[in-house]
Amino acid sequence: MHPDPARSPAWTPSRDAIGLWAVEGAVGTLVLALVVTGLEVFLPLPTWLAVLLPALVMAEGVVAIGVRPRLRYRVHRWEVTAEAVYTRTGWLSRTWTLVPVTRIQTVDVTRGALQQLFGLASVAVLTASSQGTVRIPHLDAEVAARVAEDLAHRAELVRDEAT
């Protein structure tokens, strides 16, 4: 196990990411509830299981909608410095990623359907390493565009200095 870095990255995703994650949790819970309903309708389940399964679905809904989004917001972090892009993700298993600007190949901004509803976007930084793409998820769309433009400009300057 690696030790934590000296400090956490400075910025969190947009607060609207909490709403997006809650909607994702609600959709997932709804799908799970439909599966459980289908099981109860089409299979003869013992009474204890017929009571337990809906209770578990409700517990999952509380966690997926009420707890997990806020926890994810607290642990997801990102920062761009003059030298690097730094991200921290994960709430059960943490991942810290540091990408030197000199390794950046391309920078993309993506906006999924739910992100568009919440005015969010994600920045994807493709690197010249085996790690592949580093993502900064769920930023305000305007912030994501500025971050991507800034990173692309910095990477271009570094490439120009190297030649």
C-alpha atoms as a PDB file:
ATOM      1  CA  MET A   1       0.000   0.000   0.000  1.00  0.00           C
ATOM      2  CA  HIS A   2       1.351   3.391  -1.005  1.00  0.00           C
ATOM      3  CA  PRO A   3       1.318   6.269   1.457  1.00  0.00           C
ATOM      4  CA  ASP A   4      -0.931   9.241   0.842  1.00  0.00           C
ATOM      5  CA  PRO A   5       0.640  12.150  -1.037  1.00  0.00           C
ATOM      6  CA  ALA A   6       1.713  15.174   0.992  1.00  0.00           C
ATOM      7  CA  ARG A   7      -1.581  16.938   0.286  1.00  0.00           C
ATOM      8  CA  SER A   8      -4.839  16.433  -1.539  1.00  0.00           C
ATOM      9  CA  PRO A   9      -5.552  18.163  -4.833  1.00  0.00           C
ATOM     10  CA  ALA A  10      -7.228  21.521  -4.283  1.00  0.00           C
ATOM     11  CA  TRP A  11     -10.504  21.248  -6.227  1.00  0.00           C
ATOM     12  CA  THR A  12     -13.653  19.148  -6.020  1.00  0.00           C
ATOM     13  CA  PRO A  13     -16.028  18.389  -8.888  1.00  0.00           C
ATOM     14  CA  SER A  14     -18.992  20.713  -9.330  1.00  0.00           C
ATOM     15  CA  ARG A  15     -21.580  20.478  -6.532  1.00  0.00           C
ATOM     16  CA  ASP A  16     -24.045  19.543  -9.281  1.00  0.00           C
ATOM     17  CA  ALA A  17     -22.176  16.221  -9.521  1.00  0.00           C
ATOM     18  CA  ILE A  18     -23.983  15.199  -6.315  1.00  0.00           C
ATOM     19  CA  GLY A  19     -27.313  15.477  -8.147  1.00  0.00           C
ATOM     20  CA  LEU A  20     -25.979  13.573 -11.157  1.00  0.00           C
ATOM     21  CA  TRP A  21     -24.666  10.748  -8.953  1.00  0.00           C
ATOM     22  CA  ALA A  22     -28.004  10.677  -7.072  1.00  0.00           C
ATOM     23  CA  VAL A  23     -29.899  10.294 -10.365  1.00  0.00           C
ATOM     24  CA  GLU A  24     -27.524   7.494 -11.409  1.00  0.00           C
ATOM     25  CA  GLY A  25     -28.152   5.851  -8.032  1.00  0.00           C
ATOM     26  CA  ALA A  26     -31.920   6.215  -8.439  1.00  0.00           C
ATOM     27  CA  VAL A  27     -31.818   4.647 -11.908  1.00  0.00           C
ATOM     28  CA  GLY A  28     -29.685   1.765 -10.636  1.00  0.00           C
ATOM     29  CA  THR A  29     -32.028   1.223  -7.687  1.00  0.00           C
ATOM     30  CA  LEU A  30     -35.044   1.289 -10.005  1.00  0.00           C
ATOM     31  CA  VAL A  31     -33.476  -1.389 -12.226  1.00  0.00           C
ATOM     32  CA  LEU A  32     -32.695  -3.490  -9.158  1.00  0.00           C
ATOM     33  CA  ALA A  33     -36.274  -3.058  -7.906  1.00  0.00           C
ATOM     34  CA  LEU A  34     -37.647  -4.195 -11.278  1.00  0.00           C
ATOM     35  CA  VAL A  35     -35.446  -7.300 -11.181  1.00  0.00           C
ATOM     36  CA  VAL A  36     -36.588  -8.125  -7.636  1.00  0.00           C
ATOM     37  CA  THR A  37     -40.223  -7.542  -8.609  1.00  0.00           C
ATOM     38  CA  GLY A  38     -39.780  -9.872 -11.587  1.00  0.00           C
ATOM     39  CA  LEU A  39     -38.298 -12.534  -9.329  1.00  0.00           C
ATOM     40  CA  GLU A  40     -41.166 -12.253  -6.872  1.00  0.00           C
ATOM     41  CA  VAL A  41     -43.813 -12.369  -9.605  1.00  0.00           C
ATOM     42  CA  PHE A  42     -42.373 -15.237 -11.645  1.00  0.00           C
ATOM     43  CA  LEU A  43     -40.605 -17.403  -9.055  1.00  0.00           C
ATOM     44  CA  PRO A  44     -42.027 -18.998  -5.930  1.00  0.00           C
ATOM     45  CA  LEU A  45     -39.790 -17.431  -3.279  1.00  0.00           C
ATOM     46  CA  PRO A  46     -39.811 -18.359   0.397  1.00  0.00           C
ATOM     47  CA  THR A  47     -41.596 -15.735   2.507  1.00  0.00           C
ATOM     48  CA  TRP A  48     -38.414 -14.654   4.285  1.00  0.00           C
ATOM     49  CA  LEU A  49     -36.707 -13.999   0.926  1.00  0.00           C
ATOM     50  CA  ALA A  50     -39.765 -12.200  -0.461  1.00  0.00           C
ATOM     51  CA  VAL A  51     -39.522  -9.820   2.521  1.00  0.00           C
ATOM     52  CA  LEU A  52     -35.716  -9.554   2.593  1.00  0.00           C
ATOM     53  CA  LEU A  53     -35.155  -8.680  -1.080  1.00  0.00           C
ATOM     54  CA  PRO A  54     -37.327  -5.504  -1.118  1.00  0.00           C
ATOM     55  CA  ALA A  55     -35.740  -4.415   2.170  1.00  0.00           C
ATOM     56  CA  LEU A  56     -32.286  -4.823   0.627  1.00  0.00           C
ATOM     57  CA  VAL A  57     -33.365  -2.849  -2.440  1.00  0.00           C
ATOM     58  CA  MET A  58     -34.622  -0.044  -0.191  1.00  0.00           C
ATOM     59  CA  ALA A  59     -31.338  -0.044   1.749  1.00  0.00           C
ATOM     60  CA  GLU A  60     -29.401   0.083  -1.516  1.00  0.00           C
ATOM     61  CA  GLY A  61     -31.570   3.016  -2.626  1.00  0.00           C
ATOM     62  CA  VAL A  62     -30.832   4.960   0.559  1.00  0.00           C
ATOM     63  CA  VAL A  63     -27.103   4.393   0.114  1.00  0.00           C
ATOM     64  CA  ALA A  64     -27.063   4.976  -3.665  1.00  0.00           C
ATOM     65  CA  ILE A  65     -29.159   8.137  -3.536  1.00  0.00           C
ATOM     66  CA  GLY A  66     -28.507   9.636  -0.115  1.00  0.00           C
ATOM     67  CA  VAL A  67     -25.010   8.578   0.953  1.00  0.00           C
ATOM     68  CA  ARG A  68     -22.784   7.570  -1.970  1.00  0.00           C
ATOM     69  CA  PRO A  69     -23.100  10.816  -3.999  1.00  0.00           C
ATOM     70  CA  ARG A  70     -22.038  12.982  -1.059  1.00  0.00           C
ATOM     71  CA  LEU A  71     -19.203  10.637  -0.177  1.00  0.00           C
ATOM     72  CA  ARG A  72     -17.964  10.618  -3.770  1.00  0.00           C
ATOM     73  CA  TYR A  73     -18.063  14.410  -3.804  1.00  0.00           C
ATOM     74  CA  ARG A  74     -15.899  14.523  -0.681  1.00  0.00           C
ATOM     75  CA  VAL A  75     -13.213  12.199  -2.049  1.00  0.00           C
ATOM     76  CA  HIS A  76     -12.985  13.135  -5.756  1.00  0.00           C
ATOM     77  CA  ARG A  77     -10.402  15.871  -6.196  1.00  0.00           C
ATOM     78  CA  TRP A  78      -8.383  17.423  -8.997  1.00  0.00           C
ATOM     79  CA  GLU A  79      -5.821  20.132  -9.560  1.00  0.00           C
ATOM     80  CA  VAL A  80      -3.827  21.524 -12.454  1.00  0.00           C
ATOM     81  CA  THR A  81      -0.469  23.118 -11.681  1.00  0.00           C
ATOM     82  CA  ALA A  82       2.193  24.543 -13.990  1.00  0.00           C
ATOM     83  CA  GLU A  83       3.908  21.151 -14.012  1.00  0.00           C
ATOM     84  CA  ALA A  84       1.164  18.517 -13.717  1.00  0.00           C
ATOM     85  CA  VAL A  85      -2.447  17.345 -13.601  1.00  0.00           C
ATOM     86  CA  TYR A  86      -3.227  15.692 -10.291  1.00  0.00           C
ATOM     87  CA  THR A  87      -6.365  13.661  -9.520  1.00  0.00           C
ATOM     88  CA  ARG A  88      -7.640  11.616  -6.607  1.00  0.00           C
ATOM     89  CA  THR A  89     -10.597   9.275  -7.079  1.00  0.00           C
ATOM     90  CA  GLY A  90     -12.261   6.412  -5.282  1.00  0.00           C
ATOM     91  CA  TRP A  91     -13.926   6.089  -1.913  1.00  0.00           C
ATOM     92  CA  LEU A  92     -13.255   2.464  -1.044  1.00  0.00           C
ATOM     93  CA  SER A  93     -10.101   2.095  -3.104  1.00  0.00           C
ATOM     94  CA  ARG A  94      -8.262   5.388  -3.588  1.00  0.00           C
ATOM     95  CA  THR A  95      -6.278   6.246  -6.705  1.00  0.00           C
ATOM     96  CA  TRP A  96      -3.911   9.196  -6.887  1.00  0.00           C
ATOM     97  CA  THR A  97      -2.706  10.120 -10.366  1.00  0.00           C
ATOM     98  CA  LEU A  98      -0.053  12.674 -11.237  1.00  0.00           C
ATOM     99  CA  VAL A  99       0.450  13.428 -14.933  1.00  0.00           C
ATOM    100  CA  PRO A 100       3.331  15.713 -15.904  1.00  0.00           C
ATOM    101  CA  VAL A 101       2.351  18.300 -18.514  1.00  0.00           C
ATOM    102  CA  THR A 102       5.274  17.027 -20.607  1.00  0.00           C
ATOM    103  CA  ARG A 103       3.432  13.681 -21.020  1.00  0.00           C
ATOM    104  CA  ILE A 104       0.132  15.148 -22.271  1.00  0.00           C
ATOM    105  CA  GLN A 105      -0.740  14.231 -25.861  1.00  0.00           C
ATOM    106  CA  THR A 106      -4.366  15.363 -26.201  1.00  0.00           C
ATOM    107  CA  VAL A 107      -7.052  16.928 -24.042  1.00  0.00           C
ATOM    108  CA  ASP A 108     -10.762  16.268 -24.652  1.00  0.00           C
ATOM    109  CA  VAL A 109     -13.962  17.541 -23.079  1.00  0.00           C
ATOM    110  CA  THR A 110     -16.860  15.076 -22.973  1.00  0.00           C
ATOM    111  CA  ARG A 111     -20.502  15.638 -22.006  1.00  0.00           C
ATOM    112  CA  GLY A 112     -22.783  12.663 -21.541  1.00  0.00           C
ATOM    113  CA  ALA A 113     -26.567  13.017 -21.632  1.00  0.00           C
ATOM    114  CA  LEU A 114     -26.942  13.291 -17.841  1.00  0.00           C
ATOM    115  CA  GLN A 115     -23.985  15.645 -17.644  1.00  0.00           C
ATOM    116  CA  GLN A 116     -25.686  17.915 -20.162  1.00  0.00           C
ATOM    117  CA  LEU A 117     -28.838  17.987 -18.022  1.00  0.00           C
ATOM    118  CA  PHE A 118     -26.741  19.081 -15.034  1.00  0.00           C
ATOM    119  CA  GLY A 119     -24.507  21.500 -16.999  1.00  0.00           C
ATOM    120  CA  LEU A 120     -21.418  19.354 -16.415  1.00  0.00           C
ATOM    121  CA  ALA A 121     -18.530  18.029 -18.484  1.00  0.00           C
ATOM    122  CA  SER A 122     -15.473  15.843 -17.934  1.00  0.00           C
ATOM    123  CA  VAL A 123     -11.916  16.526 -19.055  1.00  0.00           C
ATOM    124  CA  ALA A 124      -9.960  13.585 -20.448  1.00  0.00           C
ATOM    125  CA  VAL A 125      -6.169  13.922 -20.599  1.00  0.00           C
ATOM    126  CA  LEU A 126      -4.527  11.380 -22.901  1.00  0.00           C
ATOM    127  CA  THR A 127      -0.922  10.764 -21.928  1.00  0.00           C
ATOM    128  CA  ALA A 128       2.152   9.297 -23.547  1.00  0.00           C
ATOM    129  CA  SER A 129       2.350   6.552 -20.921  1.00  0.00           C
ATOM    130  CA  SER A 130       0.976   3.131 -20.134  1.00  0.00           C
ATOM    131  CA  GLN A 131      -1.593   4.737 -17.793  1.00  0.00           C
ATOM    132  CA  GLY A 132      -3.574   5.968 -20.793  1.00  0.00           C
ATOM    133  CA  THR A 133      -6.276   8.544 -20.121  1.00  0.00           C
ATOM    134  CA  VAL A 134      -6.726  10.477 -16.892  1.00  0.00           C
ATOM    135  CA  ARG A 135     -10.200  11.918 -16.307  1.00  0.00           C
ATOM    136  CA  ILE A 136     -11.346  14.908 -14.304  1.00  0.00           C
ATOM    137  CA  PRO A 137     -15.052  14.136 -13.926  1.00  0.00           C
ATOM    138  CA  HIS A 138     -18.102  16.345 -13.557  1.00  0.00           C
ATOM    139  CA  LEU A 139     -16.821  19.905 -13.732  1.00  0.00           C
ATOM    140  CA  ASP A 140     -19.049  22.834 -14.641  1.00  0.00           C
ATOM    141  CA  ALA A 141     -19.025  22.844 -18.448  1.00  0.00           C
ATOM    142  CA  GLU A 142     -17.382  26.299 -18.598  1.00  0.00           C
ATOM    143  CA  VAL A 143     -14.668  25.257 -16.123  1.00  0.00           C
ATOM    144  CA  ALA A 144     -14.012  22.068 -18.104  1.00  0.00           C
ATOM    145  CA  ALA A 145     -13.597  24.058 -21.323  1.00  0.00           C
ATOM    146  CA  ARG A 146     -11.144  26.477 -19.643  1.00  0.00           C
ATOM    147  CA  VAL A 147      -9.153  23.639 -18.048  1.00  0.00           C
ATOM    148  CA  ALA A 148      -8.920  21.765 -21.357  1.00  0.00           C
ATOM    149  CA  GLU A 149      -7.858  24.881 -23.247  1.00  0.00           C
ATOM    150  CA  ASP A 150      -5.249  25.719 -20.593  1.00  0.00           C
ATOM    151  CA  LEU A 151      -3.824  22.178 -20.560  1.00  0.00           C
ATOM    152  CA  ALA A 152      -3.687  21.974 -24.346  1.00  0.00           C
ATOM    153  CA  HIS A 153      -1.873  25.320 -24.452  1.00  0.00           C
ATOM    154  CA  ARG A 154       0.629  24.228 -21.771  1.00  0.00           C
ATOM    155  CA  ALA A 155       1.293  20.923 -23.512  1.00  0.00           C
ATOM    156  CA  GLU A 156       1.848  22.767 -26.811  1.00  0.00           C
ATOM    157  CA  LEU A 157       4.333  25.142 -25.145  1.00  0.00           C
ATOM    158  CA  VAL A 158       6.252  22.202 -23.681  1.00  0.00           C
ATOM    159  CA  ARG A 159       6.384  20.479 -27.083  1.00  0.00           C
ATOM    160  CA  ASP A 160       7.593  23.716 -28.725  1.00  0.00           C
ATOM    161  CA  GLU A 161      10.352  24.084 -26.101  1.00  0.00           C
ATOM    162  CA  ALA A 162      11.491  20.508 -26.705  1.00  0.00           C
ATOM    163  CA  THR A 163      12.029  21.078 -30.442  1.00  0.00           C
END
